């Protein structure tokens, strides 16, 4: 019997450690159902999910099929780099700084304690917000930690919603800037192709006018035919470039959130922790 005591002690120690490091119940169930995929796809450096929080919200990220623009089935190995990048964007300084300029945030008791000192408020906010990718899922959860609490319970949810609004706005701005850049390049290519078409057509017309078909000089007629074919081919190439540029413009104009290859939506609004 005494020989079993060390084994029993070790088992009890493992149970205590698991109980102390467990995540919220909802996340435990999620992780349990996806343990197989998470074990092969979650980076070893992923931050642990926080447990000391009072409010939270979530975003879901879908990769888009480039041929249809529709969401594809989640492939965590492909999706995780995007999830981790968006986690950083949500809690980035530009996002949080803009949040502090929102009237509904400035009206909270939490913000008023800083007496309009944006630097102190920004520092405190960055220490009071945590965003994490939930392992094995396409979800990003954003948490308001205990340090964001005030005597007004709604403050944390107001601030979380402001973060959501600002994050999605800045993401849309980045997408629009990328779209505009691509659209400008495609329009420039179309204009250059239009000029090439006009120039090639004019060259061909001048050549035909200055070199009428003649049966008296066979060699000259052969050279004229070769030059005519070369000019016609040049014109066809210019027209093909123009059509490709126009097609590219139409493709870009049809793109919205899927321009970057993925779409983010708020899965559920801020809510209190259970």
Protein backbone atom coordinates (compact mmCIF):
# COMPACT_ATOMS: atom_id res chain seq x y z
CA UNK A 1 0.00 0.00 0.00
CA UNK A 2 2.70 2.59 0.78
CA UNK A 3 4.26 1.93 -2.63
CA UNK A 4 1.17 3.48 -4.25
CA UNK A 5 1.33 6.76 -2.32
CA UNK A 6 3.71 8.59 -4.70
CA UNK A 7 1.50 7.68 -7.67
CA UNK A 8 -1.63 8.94 -5.88
CA UNK A 9 0.16 12.16 -4.94
CA UNK A 10 1.18 12.76 -8.55
CA UNK A 11 -2.36 12.15 -9.80
CA UNK A 12 -3.77 14.61 -7.26
CA UNK A 13 -1.17 17.20 -8.29
CA UNK A 14 -2.14 16.86 -11.98
CA UNK A 15 -5.82 17.36 -11.13
CA UNK A 16 -5.04 20.50 -9.12
CA UNK A 17 -2.93 21.96 -11.95
CA UNK A 18 -5.64 21.29 -14.54
CA UNK A 19 -8.27 22.91 -12.34
CA UNK A 20 -6.10 25.99 -11.74
CA UNK A 21 -5.30 26.58 -15.42
CA UNK A 22 -8.69 25.79 -16.98
CA UNK A 23 -10.30 28.31 -19.37
CA UNK A 24 -13.93 29.56 -19.12
CA UNK A 25 -16.50 26.79 -19.50
CA UNK A 26 -17.66 27.89 -22.96
CA UNK A 27 -14.11 27.86 -24.24
CA UNK A 28 -13.39 24.48 -22.62
CA UNK A 29 -16.24 22.91 -24.53
CA UNK A 30 -15.10 24.56 -27.77
CA UNK A 31 -11.55 23.38 -27.28
CA UNK A 32 -12.72 19.86 -26.42
CA UNK A 33 -14.66 19.45 -29.65
CA UNK A 34 -11.76 20.70 -31.74
CA UNK A 35 -8.84 19.18 -29.89
CA UNK A 36 -7.66 17.14 -32.87
CA UNK A 37 -7.37 20.06 -35.29
CA UNK A 38 -6.10 22.46 -32.62
CA UNK A 39 -3.28 20.13 -31.64
CA UNK A 40 -1.90 20.18 -35.16
CA UNK A 41 -2.59 23.76 -36.13
CA UNK A 42 -2.38 26.03 -33.07
CA UNK A 43 1.04 27.71 -32.81
CA UNK A 44 3.01 26.81 -29.70
CA UNK A 45 3.46 30.55 -29.05
CA UNK A 46 -0.28 31.32 -28.94
CA UNK A 47 -1.25 33.39 -25.89
CA UNK A 48 -3.44 31.65 -23.30
CA UNK A 49 -7.07 32.68 -23.06
CA UNK A 50 -7.56 35.08 -20.14
CA UNK A 51 -9.74 34.03 -17.24
CA UNK A 52 -9.91 37.26 -15.21
CA UNK A 53 -12.36 39.21 -17.36
CA UNK A 54 -15.76 40.80 -16.88
CA UNK A 55 -17.08 41.36 -20.42
CA UNK A 56 -16.26 39.92 -23.81
CA UNK A 57 -17.26 39.89 -27.48
CA UNK A 58 -16.21 37.84 -30.49
CA UNK A 59 -15.40 38.15 -34.18
CA UNK A 60 -15.38 35.35 -36.73
CA UNK A 61 -13.00 35.28 -39.69
CA UNK A 62 -13.78 33.46 -42.95
CA UNK A 63 -11.40 32.90 -45.84
CA UNK A 64 -13.00 33.62 -49.20
CA UNK A 65 -12.88 31.55 -52.35
CA UNK A 66 -11.04 33.79 -54.87
CA UNK A 67 -13.14 32.48 -57.76
CA UNK A 68 -16.55 33.12 -56.14
CA UNK A 69 -15.88 35.56 -53.28
CA UNK A 70 -17.85 33.27 -50.96
CA UNK A 71 -16.66 31.88 -47.60
CA UNK A 72 -14.78 28.60 -47.76
CA UNK A 73 -14.77 25.80 -45.16
CA UNK A 74 -12.38 26.69 -42.35
CA UNK A 75 -8.83 25.43 -42.81
CA UNK A 76 -7.10 26.31 -39.58
CA UNK A 77 -3.57 25.91 -40.92
CA UNK A 78 -4.33 28.48 -43.63
CA UNK A 79 -6.55 30.70 -41.46
CA UNK A 80 -4.41 31.06 -38.33
CA UNK A 81 -1.90 33.62 -39.72
CA UNK A 82 -4.86 35.86 -40.61
CA UNK A 83 -6.43 35.36 -37.18
CA UNK A 84 -3.22 36.26 -35.36
CA UNK A 85 -2.72 39.33 -37.57
CA UNK A 86 -6.26 40.55 -36.85
CA UNK A 87 -5.75 40.00 -33.11
CA UNK A 88 -2.87 42.45 -33.29
CA UNK A 89 -4.92 44.93 -35.32
CA UNK A 90 -7.79 44.90 -32.81
CA UNK A 91 -5.57 45.91 -29.90
CA UNK A 92 -3.17 48.09 -31.87
CA UNK A 93 -2.40 51.62 -30.70
CA UNK A 94 -4.14 53.28 -33.70
CA UNK A 95 -7.35 51.38 -32.94
CA UNK A 96 -7.35 52.13 -29.21
CA UNK A 97 -6.37 55.78 -29.71
CA UNK A 98 -9.33 56.32 -32.02
CA UNK A 99 -11.62 54.57 -29.53
CA UNK A 100 -10.73 57.19 -26.90
CA UNK A 101 -11.99 59.95 -29.21
CA UNK A 102 -15.51 58.53 -29.35
CA UNK A 103 -18.10 60.55 -27.38
CA UNK A 104 -19.75 57.48 -25.86
CA UNK A 105 -16.38 56.34 -24.50
CA UNK A 106 -15.53 59.79 -23.19
CA UNK A 107 -18.85 59.86 -21.34
CA UNK A 108 -17.98 56.74 -19.31
CA UNK A 109 -16.91 56.92 -15.69
CA UNK A 110 -13.81 54.93 -16.68
CA UNK A 111 -12.60 57.63 -19.10
CA UNK A 112 -13.45 60.55 -16.81
CA UNK A 113 -11.03 59.32 -14.15
CA UNK A 114 -8.15 60.31 -16.47
CA UNK A 115 -9.35 63.94 -16.71
CA UNK A 116 -8.92 64.01 -20.52
CA UNK A 117 -5.31 62.78 -20.37
CA UNK A 118 -5.35 60.65 -23.52
CA UNK A 119 -1.88 59.24 -22.97
CA UNK A 120 -2.78 57.85 -19.55
CA UNK A 121 -6.12 56.59 -20.86
CA UNK A 122 -4.47 54.89 -23.85
CA UNK A 123 -1.96 53.16 -21.61
CA UNK A 124 -4.66 52.00 -19.21
CA UNK A 125 -6.88 50.79 -22.05
CA UNK A 126 -4.07 48.78 -23.64
CA UNK A 127 -3.55 47.06 -20.27
CA UNK A 128 -7.27 46.41 -19.79
CA UNK A 129 -8.10 44.83 -23.15
CA UNK A 130 -7.02 41.40 -24.35
CA UNK A 131 -7.74 39.81 -27.73
CA UNK A 132 -7.10 36.13 -28.34
CA UNK A 133 -7.62 33.61 -31.10
CA UNK A 134 -9.71 30.75 -29.67
CA UNK A 135 -7.65 27.66 -30.58
CA UNK A 136 -9.06 25.38 -33.24
CA UNK A 137 -11.82 27.83 -34.26
CA UNK A 138 -12.18 30.82 -36.60
CA UNK A 139 -13.07 33.00 -33.59
CA UNK A 140 -11.30 35.97 -32.06
CA UNK A 141 -12.49 36.90 -28.58
CA UNK A 142 -11.91 40.34 -27.10
CA UNK A 143 -11.96 40.63 -23.32
CA UNK A 144 -12.42 43.56 -20.95
CA UNK A 145 -10.30 42.68 -17.93
CA UNK A 146 -11.11 43.46 -14.31
CA UNK A 147 -9.04 46.68 -14.50
CA UNK A 148 -11.66 48.19 -16.82
CA UNK A 149 -14.37 47.96 -14.20
CA UNK A 150 -15.84 51.08 -12.60
CA UNK A 151 -18.86 51.79 -10.48
CA UNK A 152 -20.79 51.83 -13.78
CA UNK A 153 -21.08 48.19 -14.95
CA UNK A 154 -21.95 49.17 -18.53
CA UNK A 155 -18.64 50.97 -19.13
CA UNK A 156 -16.78 47.85 -20.20
CA UNK A 157 -19.42 46.91 -22.76
CA UNK A 158 -19.56 50.45 -24.14
CA UNK A 159 -15.79 50.46 -24.59
CA UNK A 160 -15.75 46.98 -26.15
CA UNK A 161 -18.41 48.00 -28.68
CA UNK A 162 -16.41 51.13 -29.52
CA UNK A 163 -13.35 48.94 -30.12
CA UNK A 164 -15.41 46.72 -32.42
CA UNK A 165 -16.73 49.69 -34.40
CA UNK A 166 -13.31 51.29 -34.73
CA UNK A 167 -11.51 48.08 -35.61
CA UNK A 168 -13.99 47.28 -38.40
CA UNK A 169 -13.85 50.88 -39.66
CA UNK A 170 -10.04 50.90 -39.84
CA UNK A 171 -10.06 47.49 -41.53
CA UNK A 172 -12.49 48.82 -44.14
CA UNK A 173 -10.26 51.85 -44.68
CA UNK A 174 -7.28 49.56 -45.27
CA UNK A 175 -9.32 47.51 -47.72
CA UNK A 176 -10.55 50.63 -49.53
CA UNK A 177 -7.00 51.99 -49.76
CA UNK A 178 -5.85 48.70 -51.23
CA UNK A 179 -8.77 48.64 -53.65
CA UNK A 180 -8.09 52.23 -54.73
CA UNK A 181 -4.42 51.46 -55.30
CA UNK A 182 -5.22 48.41 -57.40
CA UNK A 183 -7.98 50.25 -59.26
CA UNK A 184 -5.67 53.18 -60.10
CA UNK A 185 -3.05 50.79 -61.47
CA UNK A 186 -5.64 48.95 -63.59
CA UNK A 187 -7.06 52.22 -64.94
CA UNK A 188 -3.54 53.39 -65.82
CA UNK A 189 -2.94 50.12 -67.67
CA UNK A 190 -6.23 50.57 -69.54
CA UNK A 191 -5.34 54.13 -70.56
CA UNK A 192 -1.92 53.04 -71.79
CA UNK A 193 -3.51 50.22 -73.76
CA UNK A 194 -6.03 52.65 -75.26
CA UNK A 195 -3.15 54.85 -76.44
CA UNK A 196 -1.37 51.80 -77.88
CA UNK A 197 -4.53 50.75 -79.74
CA UNK A 198 -4.99 54.23 -81.21
CA UNK A 199 -1.32 54.45 -82.21
CA UNK A 200 -1.27 50.98 -83.78
CA UNK A 201 -4.50 51.61 -85.68
CA UNK A 202 -3.12 54.90 -87.04
CA UNK A 203 0.14 53.23 -88.13
CA UNK A 204 -1.77 50.49 -89.91
CA UNK A 205 -4.02 52.99 -91.66
CA UNK A 206 -1.06 55.08 -92.86
CA UNK A 207 0.74 51.99 -94.07
CA UNK A 208 -2.25 50.82 -96.11
CA UNK A 209 -2.74 54.27 -97.63
CA UNK A 210 0.93 54.70 -98.54
CA UNK A 211 1.42 51.17 -99.81
CA UNK A 212 -1.46 50.11 -102.05
CA UNK A 213 -1.51 46.55 -103.26
CA UNK A 214 0.39 46.24 -106.56
CA UNK A 215 0.70 43.23 -108.82
CA UNK A 216 3.56 44.74 -110.83
CA UNK A 217 6.16 44.39 -108.10
CA UNK A 218 5.86 40.99 -106.47
CA UNK A 219 8.72 41.52 -104.02
CA UNK A 220 7.34 44.87 -102.91
CA UNK A 221 3.90 43.37 -102.46
CA UNK A 222 5.36 40.59 -100.33
CA UNK A 223 7.17 43.06 -98.08
CA UNK A 224 4.02 45.18 -97.77
CA UNK A 225 2.04 42.11 -96.77
CA UNK A 226 4.59 41.21 -94.10
CA UNK A 227 4.58 44.73 -92.69
CA UNK A 228 0.79 44.83 -92.77
CA UNK A 229 0.62 41.57 -90.83
CA UNK A 230 3.11 42.88 -88.28
CA UNK A 231 1.09 46.06 -87.75
CA UNK A 232 -2.14 44.08 -87.49
CA UNK A 233 -0.55 41.81 -84.88
CA UNK A 234 0.66 44.86 -82.95
CA UNK A 235 -2.91 46.20 -82.98
CA UNK A 236 -4.33 42.89 -81.76
CA UNK A 237 -1.85 42.79 -78.88
CA UNK A 238 -2.79 46.33 -77.85
CA UNK A 239 -6.50 45.44 -77.99
CA UNK A 240 -5.88 42.34 -75.85
CA UNK A 241 -4.05 44.47 -73.27
CA UNK A 242 -6.97 46.88 -73.22
CA UNK A 243 -9.50 44.08 -72.72
CA UNK A 244 -7.41 42.56 -69.91
CA UNK A 245 -7.20 45.93 -68.15
CA UNK A 246 -10.96 46.49 -68.47
CA UNK A 247 -11.63 43.01 -67.08
CA UNK A 248 -9.32 43.74 -64.15
CA UNK A 249 -11.14 47.01 -63.43
CA UNK A 250 -14.50 45.23 -63.37
CA UNK A 251 -13.15 42.54 -61.04
CA UNK A 252 -11.81 45.15 -58.60
CA UNK A 253 -15.04 47.14 -58.66
CA UNK A 254 -16.98 44.02 -57.70
CA UNK A 255 -14.77 43.38 -54.69
CA UNK A 256 -15.73 44.55 -51.19
CA UNK A 257 -14.60 42.94 -47.94
CA UNK A 258 -13.28 39.98 -49.85
CA UNK A 259 -10.57 42.02 -51.53
CA UNK A 260 -7.99 40.88 -49.00
CA UNK A 261 -9.13 37.27 -49.25
CA UNK A 262 -11.06 37.13 -45.98
CA UNK A 263 -14.01 38.72 -44.22
CA UNK A 264 -14.46 39.59 -40.54
CA UNK A 265 -17.81 39.97 -38.80
CA UNK A 266 -18.86 40.51 -35.22
CA UNK A 267 -20.01 37.11 -34.01
CA UNK A 268 -21.78 38.49 -30.93
CA UNK A 269 -21.86 41.91 -29.23
CA UNK A 270 -20.26 42.75 -25.87
CA UNK A 271 -21.78 40.82 -22.98
CA UNK A 272 -21.00 40.25 -19.35
CA UNK A 273 -19.08 37.17 -18.31
CA UNK A 274 -21.21 34.54 -16.68
